[in-house]
Amino acid sequence: MRLDKFLKVSRLIKRRTVANEACDAGRVFLNEKPAKASAAVKEGDVLEIHFGTKSVKVEILDVQETVKKDEAKELYRYL
């Protein structure tokens, strides 16, 4: 699955266009490397997102095309 779509489905970032912009700005890292929006994500990958002064680091546990809002938190685990 594409990185920008995963960010939207997992609700780490609410909109796909915002996820695209964050990737283009170099604020999203996949396995400690700057990631493009088109990068492929899989289970076990470590994702780090910088929001201004705050940083979020998660491990991807599952990749699904669609998820209910309640179940979105089960796709990743905070590190």
N, C-alpha and C. Protein backbone atom coordinates (compact mmCIF):
# COMPACT_ATOMS: atom_id res chain seq x y z
N MET A 1 0.85 -1.18 0.00
CA MET A 1 0.00 0.00 0.00
C MET A 1 0.89 1.24 0.00
N ARG A 2 0.43 2.29 -0.66
CA ARG A 2 1.16 3.55 -0.69
C ARG A 2 1.18 4.18 0.70
N LEU A 3 2.25 4.88 1.00
CA LEU A 3 2.42 5.52 2.30
C LEU A 3 1.32 6.55 2.57
N ASP A 4 1.02 7.41 1.59
CA ASP A 4 0.01 8.44 1.82
C ASP A 4 -1.37 7.83 2.10
N LYS A 5 -1.68 6.75 1.42
CA LYS A 5 -2.97 6.08 1.66
C LYS A 5 -3.00 5.43 3.04
N PHE A 6 -1.89 4.82 3.46
CA PHE A 6 -1.84 4.22 4.79
C PHE A 6 -2.04 5.27 5.88
N LEU A 7 -1.40 6.43 5.72
CA LEU A 7 -1.55 7.49 6.71
C LEU A 7 -3.01 7.93 6.83
N LYS A 8 -3.71 7.96 5.73
CA LYS A 8 -5.13 8.34 5.74
C LYS A 8 -5.98 7.24 6.37
N VAL A 9 -5.79 5.99 5.93
CA VAL A 9 -6.59 4.86 6.43
C VAL A 9 -6.38 4.67 7.93
N SER A 10 -5.13 4.81 8.40
CA SER A 10 -4.83 4.62 9.82
C SER A 10 -5.22 5.83 10.65
N ARG A 11 -5.57 6.92 9.97
CA ARG A 11 -5.98 8.18 10.61
C ARG A 11 -4.85 8.84 11.41
N LEU A 12 -3.61 8.56 11.03
CA LEU A 12 -2.48 9.30 11.60
C LEU A 12 -2.50 10.72 11.03
N ILE A 13 -2.91 10.84 9.75
CA ILE A 13 -3.15 12.13 9.10
C ILE A 13 -4.53 12.03 8.47
N LYS A 14 -5.36 13.05 8.66
CA LYS A 14 -6.76 12.94 8.29
C LYS A 14 -7.05 12.89 6.80
N ARG A 15 -6.28 13.63 5.98
CA ARG A 15 -6.55 13.67 4.55
C ARG A 15 -5.33 13.24 3.75
N ARG A 16 -5.60 12.60 2.63
CA ARG A 16 -4.51 12.09 1.79
C ARG A 16 -3.67 13.22 1.20
N THR A 17 -4.31 14.33 0.85
CA THR A 17 -3.54 15.45 0.30
C THR A 17 -2.59 16.03 1.33
N VAL A 18 -3.03 16.07 2.59
CA VAL A 18 -2.15 16.56 3.66
C VAL A 18 -1.00 15.58 3.87
N ALA A 19 -1.27 14.29 3.76
CA ALA A 19 -0.23 13.26 3.88
C ALA A 19 0.79 13.42 2.75
N ASN A 20 0.30 13.70 1.53
CA ASN A 20 1.18 13.95 0.39
C ASN A 20 2.09 15.14 0.64
N GLU A 21 1.52 16.23 1.15
CA GLU A 21 2.29 17.44 1.41
C GLU A 21 3.34 17.21 2.50
N ALA A 22 2.99 16.44 3.53
CA ALA A 22 3.94 16.14 4.60
C ALA A 22 5.12 15.33 4.07
N CYS A 23 4.84 14.39 3.18
CA CYS A 23 5.91 13.58 2.57
C CYS A 23 6.80 14.45 1.69
N ASP A 24 6.19 15.33 0.89
CA ASP A 24 6.96 16.21 0.01
C ASP A 24 7.84 17.17 0.80
N ALA A 25 7.37 17.58 1.99
CA ALA A 25 8.12 18.51 2.82
C ALA A 25 9.23 17.82 3.61
N GLY A 26 9.31 16.49 3.54
CA GLY A 26 10.36 15.75 4.23
C GLY A 26 10.09 15.54 5.71
N ARG A 27 8.81 15.55 6.11
CA ARG A 27 8.47 15.37 7.53
C ARG A 27 8.08 13.94 7.87
N VAL A 28 8.09 13.04 6.88
CA VAL A 28 7.72 11.65 7.12
C VAL A 28 8.94 10.77 6.80
N PHE A 29 9.27 9.89 7.76
CA PHE A 29 10.41 8.98 7.60
C PHE A 29 9.92 7.55 7.70
N LEU A 30 10.37 6.71 6.77
CA LEU A 30 10.03 5.29 6.76
C LEU A 30 11.32 4.52 7.00
N ASN A 31 11.39 3.80 8.11
CA ASN A 31 12.61 3.07 8.50
C ASN A 31 13.82 4.01 8.53
N GLU A 32 13.63 5.18 9.15
CA GLU A 32 14.66 6.20 9.38
C GLU A 32 15.21 6.84 8.11
N LYS A 33 14.48 6.74 6.99
CA LYS A 33 14.86 7.41 5.75
C LYS A 33 13.70 8.28 5.29
N PRO A 34 13.98 9.46 4.74
CA PRO A 34 12.89 10.30 4.22
C PRO A 34 12.09 9.52 3.17
N ALA A 35 10.76 9.60 3.28
CA ALA A 35 9.91 8.79 2.41
C ALA A 35 9.06 9.65 1.48
N LYS A 36 8.88 9.15 0.27
CA LYS A 36 7.96 9.78 -0.67
C LYS A 36 6.56 9.22 -0.42
N ALA A 37 5.56 9.94 -0.91
CA ALA A 37 4.17 9.52 -0.72
C ALA A 37 3.89 8.19 -1.40
N SER A 38 4.64 7.87 -2.45
CA SER A 38 4.39 6.64 -3.20
C SER A 38 5.13 5.43 -2.64
N ALA A 39 5.89 5.61 -1.56
CA ALA A 39 6.65 4.50 -0.98
C ALA A 39 5.71 3.40 -0.50
N ALA A 40 6.11 2.16 -0.68
CA ALA A 40 5.28 1.02 -0.26
C ALA A 40 5.54 0.72 1.21
N VAL A 41 4.46 0.54 1.98
CA VAL A 41 4.59 0.18 3.39
C VAL A 41 4.10 -1.25 3.60
N LYS A 42 4.68 -1.92 4.60
CA LYS A 42 4.28 -3.28 4.92
C LYS A 42 4.38 -3.46 6.44
N GLU A 43 3.89 -4.59 6.92
CA GLU A 43 3.95 -4.87 8.35
C GLU A 43 5.39 -4.88 8.81
N GLY A 44 5.64 -4.31 10.00
CA GLY A 44 6.98 -4.30 10.57
C GLY A 44 7.76 -3.04 10.28
N ASP A 45 7.31 -2.21 9.34
CA ASP A 45 7.99 -0.95 9.04
C ASP A 45 7.81 0.02 10.20
N VAL A 46 8.82 0.89 10.40
CA VAL A 46 8.75 1.92 11.43
C VAL A 46 8.56 3.26 10.73
N LEU A 47 7.55 3.99 11.18
CA LEU A 47 7.15 5.24 10.56
C LEU A 47 7.32 6.36 11.57
N GLU A 48 7.95 7.46 11.15
CA GLU A 48 8.13 8.61 12.04
C GLU A 48 7.62 9.85 11.32
N ILE A 49 6.73 10.60 12.01
CA ILE A 49 6.13 11.80 11.43
C ILE A 49 6.42 12.97 12.34
N HIS A 50 6.90 14.08 11.76
CA HIS A 50 7.19 15.29 12.52
C HIS A 50 6.07 16.30 12.30
N PHE A 51 5.37 16.64 13.39
CA PHE A 51 4.32 17.66 13.37
C PHE A 51 4.85 18.88 14.11
N GLY A 52 5.42 19.84 13.42
CA GLY A 52 5.94 21.03 14.09
C GLY A 52 7.02 20.66 15.10
N THR A 53 6.73 20.88 16.39
CA THR A 53 7.71 20.57 17.44
C THR A 53 7.56 19.14 17.96
N LYS A 54 6.44 18.49 17.62
CA LYS A 54 6.13 17.16 18.13
C LYS A 54 6.47 16.10 17.09
N SER A 55 6.87 14.93 17.56
CA SER A 55 7.21 13.83 16.67
C SER A 55 6.47 12.57 17.11
N VAL A 56 5.96 11.80 16.15
CA VAL A 56 5.25 10.56 16.43
C VAL A 56 5.97 9.42 15.75
N LYS A 57 6.26 8.36 16.51
CA LYS A 57 6.95 7.19 15.96
C LYS A 57 6.07 5.97 16.19
N VAL A 58 5.75 5.26 15.11
CA VAL A 58 4.87 4.09 15.20
C VAL A 58 5.45 2.92 14.41
N GLU A 59 5.05 1.72 14.81
CA GLU A 59 5.38 0.51 14.05
C GLU A 59 4.10 0.04 13.38
N ILE A 60 4.17 -0.28 12.10
CA ILE A 60 3.01 -0.73 11.35
C ILE A 60 2.75 -2.20 11.67
N LEU A 61 1.55 -2.49 12.17
CA LEU A 61 1.20 -3.86 12.54
C LEU A 61 0.38 -4.56 11.46
N ASP A 62 -0.41 -3.79 10.72
CA ASP A 62 -1.29 -4.38 9.71
C ASP A 62 -1.54 -3.36 8.61
N VAL A 63 -1.76 -3.84 7.40
CA VAL A 63 -2.06 -2.97 6.26
C VAL A 63 -3.38 -3.43 5.66
N GLN A 64 -4.38 -2.54 5.68
CA GLN A 64 -5.69 -2.85 5.11
C GLN A 64 -6.16 -1.69 4.26
N GLU A 65 -6.96 -1.99 3.23
CA GLU A 65 -7.45 -0.94 2.32
C GLU A 65 -8.47 -0.04 3.00
N THR A 66 -9.41 -0.62 3.75
CA THR A 66 -10.43 0.17 4.45
C THR A 66 -10.58 -0.36 5.87
N VAL A 67 -10.83 0.56 6.79
CA VAL A 67 -10.97 0.21 8.20
C VAL A 67 -12.00 1.13 8.82
N LYS A 68 -12.75 0.62 9.79
CA LYS A 68 -13.67 1.47 10.54
C LYS A 68 -12.85 2.37 11.46
N LYS A 69 -13.45 3.48 11.84
CA LYS A 69 -12.73 4.47 12.66
C LYS A 69 -12.23 3.86 13.97
N ASP A 70 -13.05 3.02 14.61
CA ASP A 70 -12.68 2.41 15.89
C ASP A 70 -11.49 1.47 15.75
N GLU A 71 -11.39 0.80 14.60
CA GLU A 71 -10.35 -0.21 14.39
C GLU A 71 -9.06 0.36 13.80
N ALA A 72 -9.05 1.64 13.46
CA ALA A 72 -7.87 2.24 12.82
C ALA A 72 -6.65 2.20 13.74
N LYS A 73 -6.85 2.30 15.04
CA LYS A 73 -5.72 2.29 15.98
C LYS A 73 -5.03 0.93 16.06
N GLU A 74 -5.69 -0.11 15.55
CA GLU A 74 -5.09 -1.45 15.58
C GLU A 74 -4.11 -1.68 14.43
N LEU A 75 -3.99 -0.71 13.52
CA LEU A 75 -3.07 -0.86 12.39
C LEU A 75 -1.63 -0.51 12.77
N TYR A 76 -1.45 0.18 13.90
CA TYR A 76 -0.11 0.61 14.30
C TYR A 76 0.05 0.58 15.81
N ARG A 77 1.32 0.66 16.25
CA ARG A 77 1.64 0.67 17.69
C ARG A 77 2.65 1.78 17.92
N TYR A 78 2.38 2.62 18.93
CA TYR A 78 3.30 3.71 19.26
C TYR A 78 4.58 3.17 19.86
N LEU A 79 5.70 3.78 19.49
CA LEU A 79 7.01 3.39 20.03
C LEU A 79 7.54 4.46 20.94
